[in-house]
Amino acid sequence: MLESKITRRGLIAAAATGAAAIVLIGATTGSADAYQGNMERALEQLQAALQSLREATPDKGGHKAHAVALIEQAMNQVQAGINFAAERFGD
């Protein structure tokens, strides 16, 4: 059975990618047509990171649990952004 190995560097890279995507999307959605594809892809990547963390071995000194909470918070913010754009721009 192939086990995925979560590293702190990989987790930080995934979180940074999601955060960068959110910032980039915010900077590029000034038009009345708020395309949601980027936000939806960011949400999917965060969901994949969350799943990887949940499959990782336990006992990480509380850091794994903290990372899970941060990713869940990021997912909530991305979804709030999608909802806001849908309400404001009809997407």
PDB file of N, CA and C in Angstrom:
ATOM      1  N   MET A   1       0.850  -1.185   0.000  1.00  0.00           N
ATOM      2  CA  MET A   1       0.000   0.000   0.000  1.00  0.00           C
ATOM      3  C   MET A   1       0.885   1.234   0.000  1.00  0.00           C
ATOM      4  N   LEU A   2       0.581   2.161  -0.835  1.00  0.00           N
ATOM      5  CA  LEU A   2       1.346   3.387  -0.943  1.00  0.00           C
ATOM      6  C   LEU A   2       0.840   4.401   0.070  1.00  0.00           C
ATOM      7  N   GLU A   3       1.735   4.863   0.927  1.00  0.00           N
ATOM      8  CA  GLU A   3       1.348   5.851   1.930  1.00  0.00           C
ATOM      9  C   GLU A   3       1.900   7.206   1.511  1.00  0.00           C
ATOM     10  N   SER A   4       1.068   8.248   1.613  1.00  0.00           N
ATOM     11  CA  SER A   4       1.559   9.580   1.311  1.00  0.00           C
ATOM     12  C   SER A   4       2.226  10.134   2.561  1.00  0.00           C
ATOM     13  N   LYS A   5       3.315  10.820   2.348  1.00  0.00           N
ATOM     14  CA  LYS A   5       4.073  11.370   3.453  1.00  0.00           C
ATOM     15  C   LYS A   5       3.889  12.883   3.441  1.00  0.00           C
ATOM     16  N   ILE A   6       3.336  13.418   4.492  1.00  0.00           N
ATOM     17  CA  ILE A   6       3.115  14.847   4.614  1.00  0.00           C
ATOM     18  C   ILE A   6       4.335  15.459   5.289  1.00  0.00           C
ATOM     19  N   THR A   7       4.886  16.457   4.661  1.00  0.00           N
ATOM     20  CA  THR A   7       5.995  17.172   5.280  1.00  0.00           C
ATOM     21  C   THR A   7       5.529  18.575   5.609  1.00  0.00           C
ATOM     22  N   ARG A   8       6.200  19.165   6.559  1.00  0.00           N
ATOM     23  CA  ARG A   8       5.861  20.538   6.917  1.00  0.00           C
ATOM     24  C   ARG A   8       6.047  21.451   5.709  1.00  0.00           C
ATOM     25  N   ARG A   9       7.130  21.221   4.972  1.00  0.00           N
ATOM     26  CA  ARG A   9       7.403  22.039   3.785  1.00  0.00           C
ATOM     27  C   ARG A   9       6.284  21.885   2.758  1.00  0.00           C
ATOM     28  N   GLY A  10       5.818  20.649   2.545  1.00  0.00           N
ATOM     29  CA  GLY A  10       4.739  20.416   1.593  1.00  0.00           C
ATOM     30  C   GLY A  10       3.440  21.064   2.029  1.00  0.00           C
ATOM     31  N   LEU A  11       3.145  20.980   3.323  1.00  0.00           N
ATOM     32  CA  LEU A  11       1.934  21.594   3.849  1.00  0.00           C
ATOM     33  C   LEU A  11       2.000  23.112   3.716  1.00  0.00           C
ATOM     34  N   ILE A  12       3.139  23.675   4.055  1.00  0.00           N
ATOM     35  CA  ILE A  12       3.303  25.123   3.945  1.00  0.00           C
ATOM     36  C   ILE A  12       3.193  25.552   2.486  1.00  0.00           C
ATOM     37  N   ALA A  13       3.777  24.762   1.583  1.00  0.00           N
ATOM     38  CA  ALA A  13       3.696  25.090   0.158  1.00  0.00           C
ATOM     39  C   ALA A  13       2.249  25.058  -0.320  1.00  0.00           C
ATOM     40  N   ALA A  14       1.492  24.044   0.123  1.00  0.00           N
ATOM     41  CA  ALA A  14       0.084  23.950  -0.280  1.00  0.00           C
ATOM     42  C   ALA A  14      -0.721  25.132   0.263  1.00  0.00           C
ATOM     43  N   ALA A  15      -0.483  25.474   1.522  1.00  0.00           N
ATOM     44  CA  ALA A  15      -1.196  26.605   2.121  1.00  0.00           C
ATOM     45  C   ALA A  15      -0.810  27.912   1.439  1.00  0.00           C
ATOM     46  N   ALA A  16       0.481  28.062   1.133  1.00  0.00           N
ATOM     47  CA  ALA A  16       0.948  29.282   0.467  1.00  0.00           C
ATOM     48  C   ALA A  16       0.345  29.389  -0.929  1.00  0.00           C
ATOM     49  N   THR A  17       0.242  28.259  -1.624  1.00  0.00           N
ATOM     50  CA  THR A  17      -0.354  28.258  -2.955  1.00  0.00           C
ATOM     51  C   THR A  17      -1.816  28.694  -2.883  1.00  0.00           C
ATOM     52  N   GLY A  18      -2.533  28.144  -1.900  1.00  0.00           N
ATOM     53  CA  GLY A  18      -3.932  28.533  -1.735  1.00  0.00           C
ATOM     54  C   GLY A  18      -4.080  30.009  -1.395  1.00  0.00           C
ATOM     55  N   ALA A  19      -3.224  30.488  -0.490  1.00  0.00           N
ATOM     56  CA  ALA A  19      -3.278  31.900  -0.103  1.00  0.00           C
ATOM     57  C   ALA A  19      -2.931  32.798  -1.275  1.00  0.00           C
ATOM     58  N   ALA A  20      -1.911  32.405  -2.038  1.00  0.00           N
ATOM     59  CA  ALA A  20      -1.513  33.207  -3.202  1.00  0.00           C
ATOM     60  C   ALA A  20      -2.632  33.233  -4.238  1.00  0.00           C
ATOM     61  N   ALA A  21      -3.295  32.103  -4.402  1.00  0.00           N
ATOM     62  CA  ALA A  21      -4.400  32.047  -5.354  1.00  0.00           C
ATOM     63  C   ALA A  21      -5.525  32.986  -4.931  1.00  0.00           C
ATOM     64  N   ILE A  22      -5.801  33.015  -3.651  1.00  0.00           N
ATOM     65  CA  ILE A  22      -6.862  33.886  -3.146  1.00  0.00           C
ATOM     66  C   ILE A  22      -6.505  35.351  -3.380  1.00  0.00           C
ATOM     67  N   VAL A  23      -5.262  35.714  -3.085  1.00  0.00           N
ATOM     68  CA  VAL A  23      -4.820  37.098  -3.296  1.00  0.00           C
ATOM     69  C   VAL A  23      -4.865  37.451  -4.771  1.00  0.00           C
ATOM     70  N   LEU A  24      -4.355  36.553  -5.614  1.00  0.00           N
ATOM     71  CA  LEU A  24      -4.347  36.791  -7.053  1.00  0.00           C
ATOM     72  C   LEU A  24      -5.754  36.932  -7.598  1.00  0.00           C
ATOM     73  N   ILE A  25      -6.636  36.091  -7.145  1.00  0.00           N
ATOM     74  CA  ILE A  25      -8.017  36.150  -7.604  1.00  0.00           C
ATOM     75  C   ILE A  25      -8.649  37.477  -7.182  1.00  0.00           C
ATOM     76  N   GLY A  26      -8.387  37.892  -5.967  1.00  0.00           N
ATOM     77  CA  GLY A  26      -8.918  39.162  -5.496  1.00  0.00           C
ATOM     78  C   GLY A  26      -8.426  40.332  -6.324  1.00  0.00           C
ATOM     79  N   ALA A  27      -7.204  40.247  -6.810  1.00  0.00           N
ATOM     80  CA  ALA A  27      -6.626  41.332  -7.595  1.00  0.00           C
ATOM     81  C   ALA A  27      -7.128  41.333  -9.030  1.00  0.00           C
ATOM     82  N   THR A  28      -7.625  40.182  -9.507  1.00  0.00           N
ATOM     83  CA  THR A  28      -7.992  40.096 -10.918  1.00  0.00           C
ATOM     84  C   THR A  28      -9.491  40.040 -11.170  1.00  0.00           C
ATOM     85  N   THR A  29     -10.322  40.128 -10.144  1.00  0.00           N
ATOM     86  CA  THR A  29     -11.765  40.019 -10.361  1.00  0.00           C
ATOM     87  C   THR A  29     -12.458  41.362 -10.192  1.00  0.00           C
ATOM     88  N   GLY A  30     -11.951  42.351 -10.865  1.00  0.00           N
ATOM     89  CA  GLY A  30     -12.542  43.672 -10.768  1.00  0.00           C
ATOM     90  C   GLY A  30     -13.699  43.887 -11.715  1.00  0.00           C
ATOM     91  N   SER A  31     -13.881  42.977 -12.659  1.00  0.00           N
ATOM     92  CA  SER A  31     -14.948  43.169 -13.629  1.00  0.00           C
ATOM     93  C   SER A  31     -16.290  42.723 -13.054  1.00  0.00           C
ATOM     94  N   ALA A  32     -17.342  43.097 -13.749  1.00  0.00           N
ATOM     95  CA  ALA A  32     -18.681  42.705 -13.318  1.00  0.00           C
ATOM     96  C   ALA A  32     -18.886  41.197 -13.482  1.00  0.00           C
ATOM     97  N   ASP A  33     -18.060  40.563 -14.289  1.00  0.00           N
ATOM     98  CA  ASP A  33     -18.146  39.126 -14.507  1.00  0.00           C
ATOM     99  C   ASP A  33     -17.131  38.439 -13.611  1.00  0.00           C
ATOM    100  N   ALA A  34     -17.525  38.071 -12.414  1.00  0.00           N
ATOM    101  CA  ALA A  34     -16.616  37.470 -11.431  1.00  0.00           C
ATOM    102  C   ALA A  34     -16.507  35.982 -11.679  1.00  0.00           C
ATOM    103  N   TYR A  35     -15.559  35.592 -12.487  1.00  0.00           N
ATOM    104  CA  TYR A  35     -15.314  34.187 -12.811  1.00  0.00           C
ATOM    105  C   TYR A  35     -14.903  33.435 -11.554  1.00  0.00           C
ATOM    106  N   GLN A  36     -15.556  32.333 -11.262  1.00  0.00           N
ATOM    107  CA  GLN A  36     -15.330  31.600 -10.013  1.00  0.00           C
ATOM    108  C   GLN A  36     -14.441  30.374 -10.169  1.00  0.00           C
ATOM    109  N   GLY A  37     -13.959  30.088 -11.359  1.00  0.00           N
ATOM    110  CA  GLY A  37     -13.143  28.900 -11.586  1.00  0.00           C
ATOM    111  C   GLY A  37     -11.897  28.862 -10.726  1.00  0.00           C
ATOM    112  N   ASN A  38     -11.232  29.984 -10.577  1.00  0.00           N
ATOM    113  CA  ASN A  38     -10.014  30.024  -9.764  1.00  0.00           C
ATOM    114  C   ASN A  38     -10.329  29.772  -8.295  1.00  0.00           C
ATOM    115  N   MET A  39     -11.393  30.363  -7.812  1.00  0.00           N
ATOM    116  CA  MET A  39     -11.781  30.153  -6.419  1.00  0.00           C
ATOM    117  C   MET A  39     -12.181  28.693  -6.191  1.00  0.00           C
ATOM    118  N   GLU A  40     -12.885  28.127  -7.137  1.00  0.00           N
ATOM    119  CA  GLU A  40     -13.292  26.734  -6.999  1.00  0.00           C
ATOM    120  C   GLU A  40     -12.084  25.807  -7.023  1.00  0.00           C
ATOM    121  N   ARG A  41     -11.100  26.095  -7.880  1.00  0.00           N
ATOM    122  CA  ARG A  41      -9.879  25.286  -7.895  1.00  0.00           C
ATOM    123  C   ARG A  41      -9.098  25.442  -6.599  1.00  0.00           C
ATOM    124  N   ALA A  42      -9.050  26.649  -6.059  1.00  0.00           N
ATOM    125  CA  ALA A  42      -8.376  26.862  -4.770  1.00  0.00           C
ATOM    126  C   ALA A  42      -9.059  26.046  -3.679  1.00  0.00           C
ATOM    127  N   LEU A  43     -10.376  26.024  -3.697  1.00  0.00           N
ATOM    128  CA  LEU A  43     -11.133  25.253  -2.717  1.00  0.00           C
ATOM    129  C   LEU A  43     -10.837  23.758  -2.866  1.00  0.00           C
ATOM    130  N   GLU A  44     -10.764  23.277  -4.092  1.00  0.00           N
ATOM    131  CA  GLU A  44     -10.440  21.866  -4.332  1.00  0.00           C
ATOM    132  C   GLU A  44      -9.047  21.523  -3.812  1.00  0.00           C
ATOM    133  N   GLN A  45      -8.081  22.422  -4.027  1.00  0.00           N
ATOM    134  CA  GLN A  45      -6.721  22.170  -3.552  1.00  0.00           C
ATOM    135  C   GLN A  45      -6.667  22.159  -2.027  1.00  0.00           C
ATOM    136  N   LEU A  46      -7.416  23.046  -1.405  1.00  0.00           N
ATOM    137  CA  LEU A  46      -7.478  23.046   0.051  1.00  0.00           C
ATOM    138  C   LEU A  46      -8.131  21.766   0.570  1.00  0.00           C
ATOM    139  N   GLN A  47      -9.167  21.294  -0.125  1.00  0.00           N
ATOM    140  CA  GLN A  47      -9.814  20.048   0.272  1.00  0.00           C
ATOM    141  C   GLN A  47      -8.837  18.877   0.157  1.00  0.00           C
ATOM    142  N   ALA A  48      -8.014  18.873  -0.895  1.00  0.00           N
ATOM    143  CA  ALA A  48      -7.022  17.806  -1.064  1.00  0.00           C
ATOM    144  C   ALA A  48      -5.977  17.865   0.048  1.00  0.00           C
ATOM    145  N   ALA A  49      -5.543  19.067   0.406  1.00  0.00           N
ATOM    146  CA  ALA A  49      -4.575  19.210   1.496  1.00  0.00           C
ATOM    147  C   ALA A  49      -5.169  18.740   2.813  1.00  0.00           C
ATOM    148  N   LEU A  50      -6.428  19.058   3.044  1.00  0.00           N
ATOM    149  CA  LEU A  50      -7.110  18.634   4.262  1.00  0.00           C
ATOM    150  C   LEU A  50      -7.200  17.108   4.321  1.00  0.00           C
ATOM    151  N   GLN A  51      -7.542  16.495   3.202  1.00  0.00           N
ATOM    152  CA  GLN A  51      -7.637  15.034   3.153  1.00  0.00           C
ATOM    153  C   GLN A  51      -6.273  14.401   3.434  1.00  0.00           C
ATOM    154  N   SER A  52      -5.215  14.947   2.871  1.00  0.00           N
ATOM    155  CA  SER A  52      -3.868  14.424   3.116  1.00  0.00           C
ATOM    156  C   SER A  52      -3.504  14.523   4.593  1.00  0.00           C
ATOM    157  N   LEU A  53      -3.831  15.634   5.196  1.00  0.00           N
ATOM    158  CA  LEU A  53      -3.547  15.790   6.628  1.00  0.00           C
ATOM    159  C   LEU A  53      -4.315  14.780   7.460  1.00  0.00           C
ATOM    160  N   ARG A  54      -5.560  14.567   7.118  1.00  0.00           N
ATOM    161  CA  ARG A  54      -6.379  13.622   7.883  1.00  0.00           C
ATOM    162  C   ARG A  54      -5.867  12.191   7.744  1.00  0.00           C
ATOM    163  N   GLU A  55      -5.213  11.894   6.627  1.00  0.00           N
ATOM    164  CA  GLU A  55      -4.660  10.564   6.407  1.00  0.00           C
ATOM    165  C   GLU A  55      -3.257  10.408   7.010  1.00  0.00           C
ATOM    166  N   ALA A  56      -2.642  11.506   7.396  1.00  0.00           N
ATOM    167  CA  ALA A  56      -1.301  11.456   7.968  1.00  0.00           C
ATOM    168  C   ALA A  56      -1.328  10.808   9.346  1.00  0.00           C
ATOM    169  N   THR A  57      -0.192  10.270   9.738  1.00  0.00           N
ATOM    170  CA  THR A  57      -0.106   9.645  11.055  1.00  0.00           C
ATOM    171  C   THR A  57      -0.333  10.691  12.138  1.00  0.00           C
ATOM    172  N   PRO A  58      -0.866  10.258  13.283  1.00  0.00           N
ATOM    173  CA  PRO A  58      -1.119  11.200  14.385  1.00  0.00           C
ATOM    174  C   PRO A  58       0.175  11.566  15.119  1.00  0.00           C
ATOM    175  N   ASP A  59       0.014  12.276  16.192  1.00  0.00           N
ATOM    176  CA  ASP A  59       1.101  12.653  17.088  1.00  0.00           C
ATOM    177  C   ASP A  59       2.132  13.552  16.418  1.00  0.00           C
ATOM    178  N   LYS A  60       1.707  14.727  16.104  1.00  0.00           N
ATOM    179  CA  LYS A  60       2.583  15.738  15.519  1.00  0.00           C
ATOM    180  C   LYS A  60       2.730  16.920  16.475  1.00  0.00           C
ATOM    181  N   GLY A  61       2.529  16.662  17.748  1.00  0.00           N
ATOM    182  CA  GLY A  61       2.684  17.712  18.749  1.00  0.00           C
ATOM    183  C   GLY A  61       1.638  18.804  18.646  1.00  0.00           C
ATOM    184  N   GLY A  62       0.482  18.475  18.115  1.00  0.00           N
ATOM    185  CA  GLY A  62      -0.588  19.459  17.975  1.00  0.00           C
ATOM    186  C   GLY A  62      -0.519  20.255  16.682  1.00  0.00           C
ATOM    187  N   HIS A  63       0.577  20.116  15.939  1.00  0.00           N
ATOM    188  CA  HIS A  63       0.754  20.902  14.706  1.00  0.00           C
ATOM    189  C   HIS A  63      -0.171  20.430  13.588  1.00  0.00           C
ATOM    190  N   LYS A  64      -0.392  19.139  13.499  1.00  0.00           N
ATOM    191  CA  LYS A  64      -1.306  18.614  12.489  1.00  0.00           C
ATOM    192  C   LYS A  64      -2.718  19.137  12.736  1.00  0.00           C
ATOM    193  N   ALA A  65      -3.158  19.086  13.984  1.00  0.00           N
ATOM    194  CA  ALA A  65      -4.499  19.579  14.323  1.00  0.00           C
ATOM    195  C   ALA A  65      -4.620  21.074  14.028  1.00  0.00           C
ATOM    196  N   HIS A  66      -3.568  21.817  14.322  1.00  0.00           N
ATOM    197  CA  HIS A  66      -3.582  23.253  14.043  1.00  0.00           C
ATOM    198  C   HIS A  66      -3.639  23.509  12.539  1.00  0.00           C
ATOM    199  N   ALA A  67      -2.877  22.736  11.771  1.00  0.00           N
ATOM    200  CA  ALA A  67      -2.900  22.874  10.310  1.00  0.00           C
ATOM    201  C   ALA A  67      -4.282  22.554   9.761  1.00  0.00           C
ATOM    202  N   VAL A  68      -4.923  21.512  10.289  1.00  0.00           N
ATOM    203  CA  VAL A  68      -6.280  21.162   9.864  1.00  0.00           C
ATOM    204  C   VAL A  68      -7.226  22.331  10.122  1.00  0.00           C
ATOM    205  N   ALA A  69      -7.123  22.923  11.293  1.00  0.00           N
ATOM    206  CA  ALA A  69      -7.995  24.057  11.634  1.00  0.00           C
ATOM    207  C   ALA A  69      -7.752  25.244  10.703  1.00  0.00           C
ATOM    208  N   LEU A  70      -6.497  25.508  10.374  1.00  0.00           N
ATOM    209  CA  LEU A  70      -6.187  26.627   9.480  1.00  0.00           C
ATOM    210  C   LEU A  70      -6.711  26.381   8.068  1.00  0.00           C
ATOM    211  N   ILE A  71      -6.579  25.156   7.598  1.00  0.00           N
ATOM    212  CA  ILE A  71      -7.089  24.843   6.266  1.00  0.00           C
ATOM    213  C   ILE A  71      -8.606  24.933   6.242  1.00  0.00           C
ATOM    214  N   GLU A  72      -9.258  24.453   7.292  1.00  0.00           N
ATOM    215  CA  GLU A  72     -10.718  24.582   7.361  1.00  0.00           C
ATOM    216  C   GLU A  72     -11.134  26.047   7.373  1.00  0.00           C
ATOM    217  N   GLN A  73     -10.362  26.883   8.073  1.00  0.00           N
ATOM    218  CA  GLN A  73     -10.646  28.324   8.097  1.00  0.00           C
ATOM    219  C   GLN A  73     -10.464  28.911   6.698  1.00  0.00           C
ATOM    220  N   ALA A  74      -9.400  28.525   6.013  1.00  0.00           N
ATOM    221  CA  ALA A  74      -9.165  29.011   4.651  1.00  0.00           C
ATOM    222  C   ALA A  74     -10.286  28.571   3.716  1.00  0.00           C
ATOM    223  N   MET A  75     -10.733  27.340   3.863  1.00  0.00           N
ATOM    224  CA  MET A  75     -11.832  26.849   3.030  1.00  0.00           C
ATOM    225  C   MET A  75     -13.102  27.662   3.263  1.00  0.00           C
ATOM    226  N   ASN A  76     -13.374  27.993   4.515  1.00  0.00           N
ATOM    227  CA  ASN A  76     -14.545  28.816   4.826  1.00  0.00           C
ATOM    228  C   ASN A  76     -14.437  30.192   4.190  1.00  0.00           C
ATOM    229  N   GLN A  77     -13.242  30.764   4.201  1.00  0.00           N
ATOM    230  CA  GLN A  77     -13.050  32.085   3.606  1.00  0.00           C
ATOM    231  C   GLN A  77     -13.198  32.046   2.087  1.00  0.00           C
ATOM    232  N   VAL A  78     -12.657  31.006   1.452  1.00  0.00           N
ATOM    233  CA  VAL A  78     -12.797  30.865   0.000  1.00  0.00           C
ATOM    234  C   VAL A  78     -14.272  30.707  -0.354  1.00  0.00           C
ATOM    235  N   GLN A  79     -14.980  29.879   0.394  1.00  0.00           N
ATOM    236  CA  GLN A  79     -16.408  29.688   0.122  1.00  0.00           C
ATOM    237  C   GLN A  79     -17.182  30.988   0.347  1.00  0.00           C
ATOM    238  N   ALA A  80     -16.806  31.745   1.372  1.00  0.00           N
ATOM    239  CA  ALA A  80     -17.455  33.042   1.608  1.00  0.00           C
ATOM    240  C   ALA A  80     -17.217  33.980   0.432  1.00  0.00           C
ATOM    241  N   GLY A  81     -16.020  33.939  -0.138  1.00  0.00           N
ATOM    242  CA  GLY A  81     -15.724  34.753  -1.314  1.00  0.00           C
ATOM    243  C   GLY A  81     -16.555  34.335  -2.516  1.00  0.00           C
ATOM    244  N   ILE A  82     -16.700  33.048  -2.706  1.00  0.00           N
ATOM    245  CA  ILE A  82     -17.536  32.539  -3.802  1.00  0.00           C
ATOM    246  C   ILE A  82     -18.984  32.990  -3.608  1.00  0.00           C
ATOM    247  N   ASN A  83     -19.479  32.867  -2.386  1.00  0.00           N
ATOM    248  CA  ASN A  83     -20.852  33.281  -2.090  1.00  0.00           C
ATOM    249  C   ASN A  83     -21.043  34.778  -2.292  1.00  0.00           C
ATOM    250  N   PHE A  84     -20.058  35.571  -1.860  1.00  0.00           N
ATOM    251  CA  PHE A  84     -20.139  37.023  -2.015  1.00  0.00           C
ATOM    252  C   PHE A  84     -20.231  37.397  -3.496  1.00  0.00           C
ATOM    253  N   ALA A  85     -19.357  36.800  -4.299  1.00  0.00           N
ATOM    254  CA  ALA A  85     -19.367  37.108  -5.730  1.00  0.00           C
ATOM    255  C   ALA A  85     -20.681  36.676  -6.379  1.00  0.00           C
ATOM    256  N   ALA A  86     -21.213  35.539  -5.926  1.00  0.00           N
ATOM    257  CA  ALA A  86     -22.476  35.059  -6.479  1.00  0.00           C
ATOM    258  C   ALA A  86     -23.602  36.041  -6.176  1.00  0.00           C
ATOM    259  N   GLU A  87     -23.612  36.549  -4.951  1.00  0.00           N
ATOM    260  CA  GLU A  87     -24.638  37.509  -4.560  1.00  0.00           C
ATOM    261  C   GLU A  87     -24.452  38.856  -5.256  1.00  0.00           C
ATOM    262  N   ARG A  88     -23.198  39.290  -5.359  1.00  0.00           N
ATOM    263  CA  ARG A  88     -22.931  40.624  -5.911  1.00  0.00           C
ATOM    264  C   ARG A  88     -22.972  40.655  -7.429  1.00  0.00           C
ATOM    265  N   PHE A  89     -22.422  39.602  -8.061  1.00  0.00           N
ATOM    266  CA  PHE A  89     -22.287  39.605  -9.515  1.00  0.00           C
ATOM    267  C   PHE A  89     -23.184  38.591 -10.205  1.00  0.00           C
ATOM    268  N   GLY A  90     -23.889  37.772  -9.452  1.00  0.00           N
ATOM    269  CA  GLY A  90     -24.781  36.802 -10.047  1.00  0.00           C
ATOM    270  C   GLY A  90     -24.091  35.556 -10.559  1.00  0.00           C
ATOM    271  N   ASP A  91     -22.868  35.315 -10.118  1.00  0.00           N
ATOM    272  CA  ASP A  91     -22.153  34.093 -10.523  1.00  0.00           C
ATOM    273  C   ASP A  91     -22.491  32.939  -9.629  1.00  0.00           C
TER     274      ASP A  91
END
